[in-house]
Protein backbone atom coordinates (compact mmCIF):
# COMPACT_ATOMS: atom_id res chain seq x y z
CA MET A 1 54.04 61.00 36.08
CA CYS A 2 51.54 59.88 33.46
CA GLY A 3 47.91 60.40 34.45
CA ARG A 4 46.18 60.83 31.08
CA TYR A 5 46.86 59.64 27.57
CA ALA A 6 45.28 59.15 24.16
CA VAL A 7 44.97 55.94 22.18
CA THR A 8 42.82 55.75 19.06
CA ALA A 9 43.78 52.30 17.72
CA ASP A 10 41.26 49.65 18.71
CA PRO A 11 42.46 46.24 19.94
CA ALA A 12 41.70 44.57 16.60
CA THR A 13 44.00 47.06 14.84
CA LEU A 14 46.72 46.54 17.42
CA ALA A 15 46.40 42.78 17.09
CA GLU A 16 46.84 42.99 13.32
CA GLU A 17 49.84 45.31 13.58
CA LEU A 18 51.56 43.21 16.25
CA ASP A 19 50.57 39.75 14.95
CA ALA A 20 48.78 39.23 18.25
CA ILE A 21 45.54 37.69 19.50
CA ASP A 22 42.82 40.10 20.57
CA GLU A 23 41.56 38.80 23.93
CA THR A 24 39.88 42.02 25.08
CA GLY A 25 36.35 40.98 24.24
CA GLY A 26 35.58 44.59 23.37
CA ALA A 27 36.27 45.77 26.94
CA ALA A 28 39.29 48.00 26.23
CA ARG A 29 38.49 51.66 25.72
CA THR A 30 39.93 53.95 23.07
CA GLY A 31 39.79 57.74 23.19
CA TYR A 32 41.56 61.04 23.61
CA ASN A 33 41.25 61.30 27.40
CA ILE A 34 42.11 57.95 28.97
CA ALA A 35 42.22 58.24 32.76
CA PRO A 36 43.09 55.86 35.62
CA THR A 37 40.54 53.11 36.43
CA THR A 38 39.66 52.89 32.71
CA GLU A 39 39.83 49.47 31.03
CA VAL A 40 42.71 49.85 28.57
CA ALA A 41 44.44 47.66 26.00
CA ALA A 42 47.76 46.15 27.08
CA VAL A 43 50.16 43.91 25.17
CA VAL A 44 51.52 40.74 26.79
CA ASP A 45 53.40 37.60 25.74
CA ARG A 46 51.90 34.52 27.42
CA HIS A 47 52.04 30.76 26.94
CA ASP A 48 49.29 28.96 25.08
CA HIS A 49 46.68 27.03 27.07
CA SER A 50 47.71 28.37 30.47
CA ASP A 51 48.65 31.54 32.32
CA ASN A 52 50.67 29.67 34.94
CA ASP A 53 54.09 31.22 35.41
CA ASP A 54 55.71 27.76 35.46
CA ASN A 55 54.39 26.74 32.03
CA ALA A 56 57.79 26.94 30.35
CA GLY A 57 58.00 24.98 27.12
CA ALA A 58 54.51 25.80 25.85
CA ALA A 59 54.22 28.08 22.84
CA VAL A 60 54.25 31.81 23.58
CA ARG A 61 51.91 34.17 21.72
CA ARG A 62 51.54 37.93 21.76
CA ARG A 63 48.13 38.93 23.09
CA ILE A 64 46.08 42.11 23.56
CA ARG A 65 44.23 42.11 26.88
CA ALA A 66 41.90 44.53 28.65
CA MET A 67 43.30 45.74 31.97
CA ARG A 68 42.16 48.26 34.56
CA TRP A 69 44.63 51.15 34.58
CA GLY A 70 45.70 51.22 38.21
CA LEU A 71 47.46 48.10 39.44
CA VAL A 72 45.76 46.04 42.14
CA PRO A 73 48.32 43.78 43.88
CA VAL A 74 47.31 40.14 44.28
CA TRP A 75 47.18 40.55 48.07
CA ALA A 76 44.79 43.53 48.04
CA LYS A 77 41.53 42.86 49.92
CA ASP A 78 39.46 45.11 47.67
CA LEU A 79 39.81 47.80 45.01
CA ARG A 80 39.89 50.57 47.60
CA SER A 81 42.40 49.06 50.00
CA GLY A 82 45.30 51.26 48.91
CA PRO A 83 46.41 54.11 46.64
CA LEU A 84 45.58 54.10 42.94
CA LEU A 85 48.77 52.64 41.50
CA PHE A 86 48.55 53.89 37.92
CA ASN A 87 52.29 54.71 37.75
CA ALA A 88 55.36 52.82 38.94
CA ARG A 89 58.77 54.47 39.12
CA SER A 90 61.33 52.58 37.04
CA GLU A 91 63.99 53.25 39.67
CA THR A 92 62.09 51.33 42.38
CA VAL A 93 59.75 48.96 40.51
CA ALA A 94 62.01 45.97 41.23
CA THR A 95 61.96 46.53 45.01
CA LYS A 96 58.62 48.12 45.95
CA PRO A 97 56.37 45.45 47.55
CA ALA A 98 53.37 46.50 45.46
CA PHE A 99 55.29 46.17 42.17
CA ARG A 100 58.20 43.76 42.48
CA THR A 101 56.28 40.52 41.78
CA SER A 102 54.59 42.00 38.74
CA TYR A 103 57.91 43.34 37.44
CA ALA A 104 59.51 39.92 37.83
CA ARG A 105 56.69 37.92 36.21
CA HIS A 106 54.07 40.10 34.54
CA ARG A 107 55.31 42.83 32.20
CA CYS A 108 53.29 44.50 29.46
CA LEU A 109 53.25 47.32 26.93
CA VAL A 110 50.63 50.08 26.96
CA PRO A 111 50.00 51.52 23.47
CA MET A 112 49.56 55.30 23.25
CA ASP A 113 49.18 57.98 20.60
CA GLY A 114 50.68 60.34 23.17
CA TRP A 115 50.38 61.47 26.77
CA TYR A 116 49.44 64.61 28.70
CA GLU A 117 51.30 66.51 31.40
CA TRP A 118 50.57 69.75 33.22
CA LYS A 119 53.03 72.59 33.75
CA PRO A 120 52.55 75.37 36.33
CA ALA A 121 51.66 78.63 34.60
CA ALA A 122 54.21 81.44 34.70
CA SER A 123 51.52 84.11 34.88
CA GLY A 124 48.63 84.56 37.28
CA SER A 125 46.38 85.54 34.37
CA ARG A 126 46.24 81.94 33.18
CA PRO A 127 45.00 78.69 34.76
CA ALA A 128 47.25 77.42 37.55
CA LYS A 129 48.45 74.52 35.39
CA ILE A 130 48.69 74.38 31.60
CA PRO A 131 48.12 71.02 29.85
CA TYR A 132 50.51 69.78 27.17
CA PHE A 133 50.27 66.80 24.85
CA MET A 134 53.37 64.84 23.89
CA SER A 135 53.45 62.59 20.82
CA ARG A 136 55.86 61.44 18.12
CA ARG A 137 56.49 64.01 15.41
CA ASP A 138 56.04 61.34 12.74
CA GLY A 139 52.67 60.22 14.12
CA GLU A 140 53.85 56.71 14.96
CA ARG A 141 52.42 54.96 17.98
CA LEU A 142 54.27 54.86 21.30
CA TYR A 143 54.52 51.84 23.59
CA ALA A 144 55.05 52.46 27.30
CA ALA A 145 56.61 49.86 29.57
CA GLY A 146 54.07 48.50 32.03
CA ILE A 147 53.52 45.85 34.65
CA TRP A 148 50.31 43.95 35.33
CA SER A 149 48.69 41.79 37.95
CA PRO A 150 45.78 39.34 38.17
CA TRP A 151 43.48 39.97 41.15
CA LYS A 152 40.75 37.66 42.38
CA ASP A 153 37.69 39.35 43.83
CA PRO A 154 36.95 37.54 47.12
CA GLN A 155 33.27 38.43 46.72
CA ARG A 156 32.91 36.61 43.39
CA THR A 157 33.45 33.11 42.08
CA GLY A 158 33.73 31.51 38.67
CA GLU A 159 34.21 33.33 35.39
CA GLY A 160 34.77 37.04 35.87
CA ALA A 161 36.16 36.72 39.38
CA THR A 162 39.70 37.53 38.20
CA MET A 163 40.47 41.07 37.06
CA LEU A 164 43.65 42.21 35.30
CA SER A 165 45.16 45.58 36.13
CA CYS A 166 48.29 47.46 35.11
CA SER A 167 50.61 50.36 35.86
CA VAL A 168 52.67 52.49 33.47
CA LEU A 169 56.35 52.83 34.33
CA THR A 170 57.79 56.32 34.51
CA THR A 171 61.35 57.59 34.32
CA ALA A 172 63.21 60.89 34.54
CA ALA A 173 62.17 63.24 31.74
CA VAL A 174 64.84 64.14 29.18
CA GLY A 175 65.51 67.15 26.98
CA ASP A 176 62.68 69.64 26.50
CA LEU A 177 60.25 67.18 28.10
CA ALA A 178 61.79 68.05 31.48
CA ALA A 179 60.58 71.64 31.05
CA VAL A 180 56.99 70.41 31.29
CA HIS A 181 57.34 67.73 33.99
CA ASP A 182 60.23 65.96 35.68
CA ARG A 183 58.78 62.51 34.88
CA MET A 184 57.63 60.84 31.68
CA PRO A 185 56.45 57.37 30.65
CA LEU A 186 59.24 54.88 29.99
CA MET A 187 58.83 54.18 26.28
CA LEU A 188 60.30 51.08 24.65
CA HIS A 189 61.13 50.65 20.97
CA ALA A 190 60.30 47.54 18.96
CA GLY A 191 63.76 46.05 19.41
CA GLN A 192 63.18 45.91 23.17
CA TRP A 193 59.69 44.39 23.22
CA ASP A 194 60.62 40.69 23.12
CA GLN A 195 62.93 40.98 26.11
CA TRP A 196 60.48 43.12 28.10
CA LEU A 197 57.52 40.81 27.47
CA ASP A 198 59.35 37.46 27.75
CA PRO A 199 57.34 35.41 30.30
CA ASP A 200 60.28 33.07 30.87
CA GLY A 201 63.08 35.64 31.08
CA GLY A 202 64.43 37.27 34.19
CA PRO A 203 63.75 40.91 35.04
CA PRO A 204 65.27 43.03 32.22
CA ASP A 205 66.89 45.63 34.48
CA ALA A 206 68.86 47.20 31.63
CA LEU A 207 65.59 48.30 30.00
CA LEU A 208 64.68 50.40 33.04
CA GLU A 209 67.28 53.03 32.19
CA SER A 210 66.03 56.45 31.14
CA PRO A 211 66.48 57.03 27.38
CA GLY A 212 68.98 59.55 26.09
CA GLU A 213 68.04 63.06 25.07
CA SER A 214 67.66 61.85 21.50
CA PHE A 215 64.26 60.49 22.54
CA ALA A 216 63.01 64.02 23.23
CA GLU A 217 64.05 65.08 19.73
CA VAL A 218 61.39 62.86 18.13
CA ILE A 219 58.63 64.10 20.47
CA GLU A 220 56.44 67.11 19.73
CA ILE A 221 55.30 69.07 22.81
CA ARG A 222 52.04 70.87 22.19
CA GLU A 223 50.12 73.15 24.52
CA VAL A 224 46.44 72.17 24.43
CA ARG A 225 43.26 73.62 25.89
CA PRO A 226 42.17 72.68 29.41
CA LEU A 227 39.34 70.55 27.99
CA VAL A 228 41.42 67.53 28.98
CA ASN A 229 41.04 68.48 32.65
CA ASN A 230 37.50 67.06 32.60
CA VAL A 231 37.48 63.29 32.00
CA ARG A 232 34.03 63.57 30.40
CA ASN A 233 35.56 65.48 27.47
CA ASP A 234 36.76 63.12 24.78
CA GLY A 235 37.40 63.99 21.15
CA PRO A 236 40.11 65.07 18.68
CA GLU A 237 39.60 68.69 19.71
CA LEU A 238 41.53 67.86 22.89
CA LEU A 239 44.69 67.57 20.79
CA GLN A 240 44.35 70.85 18.93
CA PRO A 241 47.27 73.16 19.79
CA VAL A 242 46.66 76.46 21.50
CA PRO A 243 47.54 79.35 19.13
CA GLY A 244 50.47 81.51 20.11
CA PRO A 245 50.18 85.16 21.17
CA GLY A 246 48.12 87.21 18.75
CA GLY A 247 46.73 84.11 17.07
CA GLY A 248 50.05 83.22 15.48
CA GLU A 249 51.89 79.92 15.48
CA PRO A 250 50.81 77.29 18.03
CA SER A 251 52.63 77.12 21.33
CA LEU A 252 55.17 74.36 20.76
CA PHE A 253 58.54 73.53 22.24
């Protein structure tokens, strides 16, 4: 599961790093406590001049777009007609009715500095669940596999009637990450991005496999304060590690 994450790079920075076009119009949020239903930055590869799925042959450009985190299938009647689909399991994304069309045609990347998970406390003297923040040890950005969908609001017409939304794919946690939660975001490295984002390619099923335990070796797991539990809290203090017993070293895996 991935229900909160941090991303501090604005879309303009992402566009420069990825040689992409920033199409967010300033709508994508950055912060240390990104929650479902937030407008987030997502990376897509789409043809020039048209978003039609049959526009093969036109030039393809990498683009940064603002998307509501929580996928709304094209057939949904309204935003409240079903569960909040902010995660999609990699094992079933190709077959679940709510996800399979997006997986086949509309795949994206969701940039993150890191993500949060909660682990049940071992002692009754502490909060029922302890938050942890996972990020790369070298500070490099992470890119989670995602799927997206356009949705037309039946109550609106013209510009602004179509909303984009996305889900983050999850997979079985590996290594020490499994000690916090049994699921984690499915992260893709740069060598996999072209295949994942290709608007003309078939579903890249091989990229749905859970990474090896070597992935966990590059991830730092840091216990953080429960400030993250409240979505109104947002600042770098959310990432500060909780000191160990007696004020010693932080609680890290």
